[in-house]
Every structure is written in C-alpha cells, then in structure tokens.
Amino acid sequence: MVRLLASLPLALGDFPLQLTKSERPDFSLQLGDRTVGIEHTEAVPTNVAHAGALRASLGRTTYLIWSATVDEPRKSREQLLAEIESNRMPPPMIGDSVERGWAEAMGRFVGEKMASAIKPGYAAHDEDWLVIYDNWPAPALQRQLAIKILLETHLKAAAFVIFQRVFILDETVLVELRRDGALMYRVNHCRRA
C-alpha cells in the first residue's frame, strides 16, 4: 500500500490522507473529502509459490523460469520436488504467449475480486480500487502489448463499474487501468537517496 500511494500522482486536494485496515474491502483510504475502498490480492500461481518455498528450503537460488497457466492443476510436493531435481529446460515461449498468459492471469484475478466485491457485506465507499501485486512468471514481458491484450480480451467493462481503478504493481512499474485506457508509473520504494 505504501508503494501504491507513493507512486501515484496525488493532488493537494487528496490530503489529509488516512489509510485504515479493514475487511471487505481490505483497506479504507480517506483522500481529502472522499473515501476509497481498496481490495488487494497477489497474482501468483499456486505451483510457483509452492516450488519457490521448496527451492528456498533446499538452498536453490538459481533456476529457470517456467511459464504458468491460470488453470494449471495443483501439483503435489513430490511432483514439484521431482521437477526441481530434474532441472529441465522449460518449453519455449513462442510469439506473444508470455503476454497472452499474463493478460489471462490478470483478467482472472480481476474477475475473482469482482465476484467477491458484489457479495453482501462489502462496505460502501465513494470509489473502489483493486490492487494486484504482480508476481506472475512472465519473463521478458512486453508490458504495453500485455496491457493491450488484457484490456481488449480479458477485462470486462463491468470491472470498471465495480472498481473505478485497477492497479497492477510489481517491483518496478505501477499500471493503472481505467475504463478509458492505461497509465504507467515508476514504482517509488520510499528509500532514502
């Protein structure tokens, strides 16, 4: 949340600013005289997260990145250990497959959060935002192409009825998706120079 707020171009009218942890949505943000409900999630494949924990426990810090799909079945610990041990080359990523896979994954996470936001008990705010921490394996991602694919094929217009702004944040870039397009900002890590 700190990186999100530090990376956005806030205006003087957005202050005073107050962030409060809540449930349904996850945060309530007071920006000047308006309130913003913020839902957040991490986009990470279950198998990738589990394999990362297994690698760390084995002391393996160097490995080849495999692509992931949103419908990939969950693998057992034994299957993941066998894959780690084999240290095989991943299959080739051809054409725009990385961008299409990333767009599909981001679209799926937005869809899941949309479904959650329309259930009873979701607090009302002046605006609602969705923040996705992007931990999806997408080597050499051509971000602008991936965003175009996401907006054209995987993001329903209804997303912007529920969430007025959708943010996708990784370690370097903050992407802001709106009904009328996308903006990109450099992530501010709030470190001293």
C-alpha atoms as a PDB file:
ATOM      1  CA  MET A   1       0.000   0.000   0.000  1.00  0.00           C
ATOM      2  CA  VAL A   2       2.889   2.341   0.753  1.00  0.00           C
ATOM      3  CA  ARG A   3       4.378   1.753  -2.702  1.00  0.00           C
ATOM      4  CA  LEU A   4       0.994   2.296  -4.351  1.00  0.00           C
ATOM      5  CA  LEU A   5       0.364   5.595  -2.579  1.00  0.00           C
ATOM      6  CA  ALA A   6       3.959   6.772  -3.023  1.00  0.00           C
ATOM      7  CA  SER A   7       3.830   6.026  -6.766  1.00  0.00           C
ATOM      8  CA  LEU A   8       0.534   7.732  -7.573  1.00  0.00           C
ATOM      9  CA  PRO A   9       0.491  11.411  -8.508  1.00  0.00           C
ATOM     10  CA  LEU A  10      -1.658  12.711  -5.645  1.00  0.00           C
ATOM     11  CA  ALA A  11      -3.004  16.249  -5.638  1.00  0.00           C
ATOM     12  CA  LEU A  12      -3.153  18.728  -2.774  1.00  0.00           C
ATOM     13  CA  GLY A  13      -6.902  18.073  -2.512  1.00  0.00           C
ATOM     14  CA  ASP A  14      -6.163  14.407  -1.712  1.00  0.00           C
ATOM     15  CA  PHE A  15      -4.850  15.395   1.710  1.00  0.00           C
ATOM     16  CA  PRO A  16      -5.251  14.750   4.538  1.00  0.00           C
ATOM     17  CA  LEU A  17      -4.749  11.117   3.667  1.00  0.00           C
ATOM     18  CA  GLN A  18      -5.580   8.294   6.060  1.00  0.00           C
ATOM     19  CA  LEU A  19      -5.289   4.549   5.401  1.00  0.00           C
ATOM     20  CA  THR A  20      -7.130   2.093   7.647  1.00  0.00           C
ATOM     21  CA  LYS A  21      -7.001  -1.718   7.561  1.00  0.00           C
ATOM     22  CA  SER A  22     -10.470  -3.153   7.199  1.00  0.00           C
ATOM     23  CA  GLU A  23     -12.266  -6.197   5.813  1.00  0.00           C
ATOM     24  CA  ARG A  24     -14.406  -6.295   2.674  1.00  0.00           C
ATOM     25  CA  PRO A  25     -12.633  -4.322   1.267  1.00  0.00           C
ATOM     26  CA  ASP A  26      -9.141  -4.824   2.708  1.00  0.00           C
ATOM     27  CA  PHE A  27      -8.409  -1.120   3.248  1.00  0.00           C
ATOM     28  CA  SER A  28     -10.291   2.127   3.583  1.00  0.00           C
ATOM     29  CA  LEU A  29      -8.482   5.183   2.290  1.00  0.00           C
ATOM     30  CA  GLN A  30      -9.526   8.715   3.116  1.00  0.00           C
ATOM     31  CA  LEU A  31      -8.301  11.039   0.359  1.00  0.00           C
ATOM     32  CA  GLY A  32      -9.312  14.561   1.273  1.00  0.00           C
ATOM     33  CA  ASP A  33     -13.105  14.558   1.379  1.00  0.00           C
ATOM     34  CA  ARG A  34     -13.662  11.216  -0.396  1.00  0.00           C
ATOM     35  CA  THR A  35     -13.318   7.615   0.733  1.00  0.00           C
ATOM     36  CA  VAL A  36     -11.812   4.812  -1.317  1.00  0.00           C
ATOM     37  CA  GLY A  37     -12.258   1.132  -0.590  1.00  0.00           C
ATOM     38  CA  ILE A  38      -9.202  -0.856  -1.657  1.00  0.00           C
ATOM     39  CA  GLU A  39      -9.243  -4.584  -2.305  1.00  0.00           C
ATOM     40  CA  HIS A  40      -5.883  -6.246  -2.877  1.00  0.00           C
ATOM     41  CA  THR A  41      -4.531  -9.593  -3.954  1.00  0.00           C
ATOM     42  CA  GLU A  42      -1.325 -11.209  -5.145  1.00  0.00           C
ATOM     43  CA  ALA A  43      -1.204 -12.702  -8.628  1.00  0.00           C
ATOM     44  CA  VAL A  44       0.969 -15.770  -8.168  1.00  0.00           C
ATOM     45  CA  PRO A  45       0.407 -19.322  -9.408  1.00  0.00           C
ATOM     46  CA  THR A  46      -0.012 -21.790  -6.546  1.00  0.00           C
ATOM     47  CA  ASN A  47       2.569 -24.199  -8.007  1.00  0.00           C
ATOM     48  CA  VAL A  48       5.128 -21.417  -8.489  1.00  0.00           C
ATOM     49  CA  ALA A  49       4.695 -20.210  -4.892  1.00  0.00           C
ATOM     50  CA  HIS A  50       4.986 -23.757  -3.518  1.00  0.00           C
ATOM     51  CA  ALA A  51       8.018 -24.553  -5.712  1.00  0.00           C
ATOM     52  CA  GLY A  52       9.675 -21.303  -4.540  1.00  0.00           C
ATOM     53  CA  ALA A  53       9.266 -22.312  -0.905  1.00  0.00           C
ATOM     54  CA  LEU A  54      10.647 -25.786  -1.668  1.00  0.00           C
ATOM     55  CA  ARG A  55      13.650 -24.324  -3.531  1.00  0.00           C
ATOM     56  CA  ALA A  56      14.372 -21.996  -0.628  1.00  0.00           C
ATOM     57  CA  SER A  57      14.298 -24.906   1.828  1.00  0.00           C
ATOM     58  CA  LEU A  58      16.779 -26.759  -0.420  1.00  0.00           C
ATOM     59  CA  GLY A  59      19.033 -23.704  -0.763  1.00  0.00           C
ATOM     60  CA  ARG A  60      18.444 -23.485  -4.526  1.00  0.00           C
ATOM     61  CA  THR A  61      18.567 -19.856  -5.580  1.00  0.00           C
ATOM     62  CA  THR A  62      19.216 -20.195  -9.306  1.00  0.00           C
ATOM     63  CA  TYR A  63      16.661 -21.803 -11.593  1.00  0.00           C
ATOM     64  CA  LEU A  64      14.955 -21.387 -14.959  1.00  0.00           C
ATOM     65  CA  ILE A  65      11.542 -19.723 -15.037  1.00  0.00           C
ATOM     66  CA  TRP A  66       8.684 -21.812 -16.341  1.00  0.00           C
ATOM     67  CA  SER A  67       5.528 -20.207 -17.658  1.00  0.00           C
ATOM     68  CA  ALA A  68       2.297 -20.849 -15.805  1.00  0.00           C
ATOM     69  CA  THR A  69      -1.346 -21.035 -16.803  1.00  0.00           C
ATOM     70  CA  VAL A  70      -4.351 -19.955 -14.792  1.00  0.00           C
ATOM     71  CA  ASP A  71      -5.996 -23.378 -14.987  1.00  0.00           C
ATOM     72  CA  GLU A  72      -2.885 -25.387 -14.125  1.00  0.00           C
ATOM     73  CA  PRO A  73      -3.787 -28.224 -11.736  1.00  0.00           C
ATOM     74  CA  ARG A  74      -2.209 -28.076  -8.300  1.00  0.00           C
ATOM     75  CA  LYS A  75       0.901 -30.255  -8.093  1.00  0.00           C
ATOM     76  CA  SER A  76       1.890 -32.335  -5.101  1.00  0.00           C
ATOM     77  CA  ARG A  77       5.030 -31.676  -3.085  1.00  0.00           C
ATOM     78  CA  GLU A  78       6.573 -34.792  -4.608  1.00  0.00           C
ATOM     79  CA  GLN A  79       5.820 -33.659  -8.175  1.00  0.00           C
ATOM     80  CA  LEU A  80       7.347 -30.241  -7.541  1.00  0.00           C
ATOM     81  CA  LEU A  81      10.446 -31.744  -5.890  1.00  0.00           C
ATOM     82  CA  ALA A  82      10.911 -34.057  -8.883  1.00  0.00           C
ATOM     83  CA  GLU A  83      10.677 -31.074 -11.261  1.00  0.00           C
ATOM     84  CA  ILE A  84      13.157 -29.092  -9.168  1.00  0.00           C
ATOM     85  CA  GLU A  85      15.539 -32.020  -9.056  1.00  0.00           C
ATOM     86  CA  SER A  86      15.342 -32.640 -12.811  1.00  0.00           C
ATOM     87  CA  ASN A  87      16.350 -29.016 -13.532  1.00  0.00           C
ATOM     88  CA  ARG A  88      14.999 -29.346 -17.096  1.00  0.00           C
ATOM     89  CA  MET A  89      14.816 -26.541 -19.607  1.00  0.00           C
ATOM     90  CA  PRO A  90      11.329 -25.021 -19.794  1.00  0.00           C
ATOM     91  CA  PRO A  91       9.388 -25.326 -23.040  1.00  0.00           C
ATOM     92  CA  PRO A  92       9.906 -22.401 -25.420  1.00  0.00           C
ATOM     93  CA  MET A  93       7.711 -19.335 -25.108  1.00  0.00           C
ATOM     94  CA  ILE A  94       6.634 -18.548 -28.644  1.00  0.00           C
ATOM     95  CA  GLY A  95       5.318 -15.292 -30.116  1.00  0.00           C
ATOM     96  CA  ASP A  96       3.190 -13.328 -27.676  1.00  0.00           C
ATOM     97  CA  SER A  97       2.437 -16.329 -25.447  1.00  0.00           C
ATOM     98  CA  VAL A  98       4.014 -14.630 -22.409  1.00  0.00           C
ATOM     99  CA  GLU A  99       1.857 -11.529 -22.867  1.00  0.00           C
ATOM    100  CA  ARG A 100      -1.300 -13.559 -23.516  1.00  0.00           C
ATOM    101  CA  GLY A 101      -0.697 -15.734 -20.453  1.00  0.00           C
ATOM    102  CA  TRP A 102      -0.063 -12.695 -18.258  1.00  0.00           C
ATOM    103  CA  ALA A 103      -3.193 -10.925 -19.562  1.00  0.00           C
ATOM    104  CA  GLU A 104      -5.325 -14.013 -18.947  1.00  0.00           C
ATOM    105  CA  ALA A 105      -3.980 -14.324 -15.407  1.00  0.00           C
ATOM    106  CA  MET A 106      -4.577 -10.660 -14.553  1.00  0.00           C
ATOM    107  CA  GLY A 107      -8.075 -10.882 -16.038  1.00  0.00           C
ATOM    108  CA  ARG A 108      -8.800 -13.936 -13.888  1.00  0.00           C
ATOM    109  CA  PHE A 109      -7.659 -12.203 -10.687  1.00  0.00           C
ATOM    110  CA  VAL A 110      -9.796  -9.147 -11.506  1.00  0.00           C
ATOM    111  CA  GLY A 111     -12.785 -11.428 -12.145  1.00  0.00           C
ATOM    112  CA  GLU A 112     -12.333 -13.231  -8.827  1.00  0.00           C
ATOM    113  CA  LYS A 113     -12.194  -9.933  -6.932  1.00  0.00           C
ATOM    114  CA  MET A 114     -15.243  -8.619  -8.812  1.00  0.00           C
ATOM    115  CA  ALA A 115     -17.207 -11.657  -7.640  1.00  0.00           C
ATOM    116  CA  SER A 116     -16.072 -11.033  -4.068  1.00  0.00           C
ATOM    117  CA  ALA A 117     -16.960  -7.330  -4.190  1.00  0.00           C
ATOM    118  CA  ILE A 118     -20.584  -7.883  -5.168  1.00  0.00           C
ATOM    119  CA  LYS A 119     -21.326 -10.237  -2.270  1.00  0.00           C
ATOM    120  CA  PRO A 120     -23.287  -8.867   0.679  1.00  0.00           C
ATOM    121  CA  GLY A 121     -21.230  -7.193   3.403  1.00  0.00           C
ATOM    122  CA  TYR A 122     -18.875  -5.235   1.155  1.00  0.00           C
ATOM    123  CA  ALA A 123     -18.596  -1.730   2.650  1.00  0.00           C
ATOM    124  CA  ALA A 124     -19.691   1.217   0.513  1.00  0.00           C
ATOM    125  CA  HIS A 125     -17.190   3.945  -0.443  1.00  0.00           C
ATOM    126  CA  ASP A 126     -17.149   6.869  -2.860  1.00  0.00           C
ATOM    127  CA  GLU A 127     -14.767   4.832  -5.061  1.00  0.00           C
ATOM    128  CA  ASP A 128     -13.426   1.285  -5.064  1.00  0.00           C
ATOM    129  CA  TRP A 129      -9.974   0.292  -6.261  1.00  0.00           C
ATOM    130  CA  LEU A 130      -8.367  -3.076  -6.864  1.00  0.00           C
ATOM    131  CA  VAL A 131      -4.627  -3.516  -6.375  1.00  0.00           C
ATOM    132  CA  ILE A 132      -2.930  -6.633  -7.740  1.00  0.00           C
ATOM    133  CA  TYR A 133       0.630  -7.381  -6.682  1.00  0.00           C
ATOM    134  CA  ASP A 134       2.039  -8.955  -9.858  1.00  0.00           C
ATOM    135  CA  ASN A 135       4.141 -11.978  -9.016  1.00  0.00           C
ATOM    136  CA  TRP A 136       3.149 -13.890 -12.158  1.00  0.00           C
ATOM    137  CA  PRO A 137       6.074 -15.523 -14.013  1.00  0.00           C
ATOM    138  CA  ALA A 138       6.319 -13.616 -17.284  1.00  0.00           C
ATOM    139  CA  PRO A 139       9.936 -13.447 -18.465  1.00  0.00           C
ATOM    140  CA  ALA A 140      10.700 -10.644 -20.938  1.00  0.00           C
ATOM    141  CA  LEU A 141       7.123  -9.393 -20.711  1.00  0.00           C
ATOM    142  CA  GLN A 142       6.317  -6.719 -23.278  1.00  0.00           C
ATOM    143  CA  ARG A 143       4.142  -4.796 -20.847  1.00  0.00           C
ATOM    144  CA  GLN A 144       2.410  -2.474 -23.313  1.00  0.00           C
ATOM    145  CA  LEU A 145       1.357  -5.381 -25.526  1.00  0.00           C
ATOM    146  CA  ALA A 146       0.228  -7.378 -22.489  1.00  0.00           C
ATOM    147  CA  ILE A 147      -1.883  -4.448 -21.218  1.00  0.00           C
ATOM    148  CA  LYS A 148      -3.452  -4.037 -24.667  1.00  0.00           C
ATOM    149  CA  ILE A 149      -4.365  -7.748 -24.734  1.00  0.00           C
ATOM    150  CA  LEU A 150      -5.716  -7.538 -21.177  1.00  0.00           C
ATOM    151  CA  LEU A 151      -7.924  -4.539 -21.942  1.00  0.00           C
ATOM    152  CA  GLU A 152      -9.176  -5.941 -25.256  1.00  0.00           C
ATOM    153  CA  THR A 153      -9.819  -9.568 -24.362  1.00  0.00           C
ATOM    154  CA  HIS A 154      -9.696 -10.353 -20.640  1.00  0.00           C
ATOM    155  CA  LEU A 155     -11.071  -7.336 -18.790  1.00  0.00           C
ATOM    156  CA  LYS A 156     -14.817  -6.957 -18.837  1.00  0.00           C
ATOM    157  CA  ALA A 157     -16.341  -3.464 -18.833  1.00  0.00           C
ATOM    158  CA  ALA A 158     -18.170  -4.460 -15.643  1.00  0.00           C
ATOM    159  CA  ALA A 159     -14.818  -4.411 -13.834  1.00  0.00           C
ATOM    160  CA  PHE A 160     -14.877  -0.615 -14.031  1.00  0.00           C
ATOM    161  CA  VAL A 161     -18.406  -0.451 -12.659  1.00  0.00           C
ATOM    162  CA  ILE A 162     -17.217  -2.280  -9.544  1.00  0.00           C
ATOM    163  CA  PHE A 163     -13.627  -0.958  -9.387  1.00  0.00           C
ATOM    164  CA  GLN A 164     -13.155   2.520 -10.780  1.00  0.00           C
ATOM    165  CA  ARG A 165      -9.410   1.953 -10.898  1.00  0.00           C
ATOM    166  CA  VAL A 166      -7.479  -1.314 -11.198  1.00  0.00           C
ATOM    167  CA  PHE A 167      -3.773  -1.207 -10.358  1.00  0.00           C
ATOM    168  CA  ILE A 168      -1.183  -3.850 -11.168  1.00  0.00           C
ATOM    169  CA  LEU A 169       2.012  -3.356  -9.215  1.00  0.00           C
ATOM    170  CA  ASP A 170       5.336  -5.150  -9.462  1.00  0.00           C
ATOM    171  CA  GLU A 171       8.783  -4.161  -8.259  1.00  0.00           C
ATOM    172  CA  THR A 172       9.329  -1.553 -10.991  1.00  0.00           C
ATOM    173  CA  VAL A 173       6.054  -0.486 -12.602  1.00  0.00           C
ATOM    174  CA  LEU A 174       2.607   0.520 -11.394  1.00  0.00           C
ATOM    175  CA  VAL A 175      -0.027   0.095 -14.101  1.00  0.00           C
ATOM    176  CA  GLU A 176      -3.297   1.943 -13.636  1.00  0.00           C
ATOM    177  CA  LEU A 177      -6.177   0.552 -15.677  1.00  0.00           C
ATOM    178  CA  ARG A 178      -9.268   2.643 -16.229  1.00  0.00           C
ATOM    179  CA  ARG A 179     -12.285   2.413 -18.468  1.00  0.00           C
ATOM    180  CA  ASP A 180     -10.566   4.747 -20.962  1.00  0.00           C
ATOM    181  CA  GLY A 181      -7.131   3.084 -21.064  1.00  0.00           C
ATOM    182  CA  ALA A 182      -3.995   2.613 -19.014  1.00  0.00           C
ATOM    183  CA  LEU A 183      -1.286   4.710 -17.388  1.00  0.00           C
ATOM    184  CA  MET A 184       2.086   3.549 -16.131  1.00  0.00           C
ATOM    185  CA  TYR A 185       4.125   4.962 -13.257  1.00  0.00           C
ATOM    186  CA  ARG A 186       7.554   4.125 -11.915  1.00  0.00           C
ATOM    187  CA  VAL A 187       7.285   2.444  -8.508  1.00  0.00           C
ATOM    188  CA  ASN A 188       8.522   4.555  -5.629  1.00  0.00           C
ATOM    189  CA  HIS A 189      10.094   2.286  -2.997  1.00  0.00           C
ATOM    190  CA  CYS A 190      10.312   5.161  -0.495  1.00  0.00           C
ATOM    191  CA  ARG A 191      14.031   4.687   0.131  1.00  0.00           C
ATOM    192  CA  ARG A 192      16.432   7.422   1.087  1.00  0.00           C
ATOM    193  CA  ALA A 193      18.650   8.604  -1.726  1.00  0.00           C
END
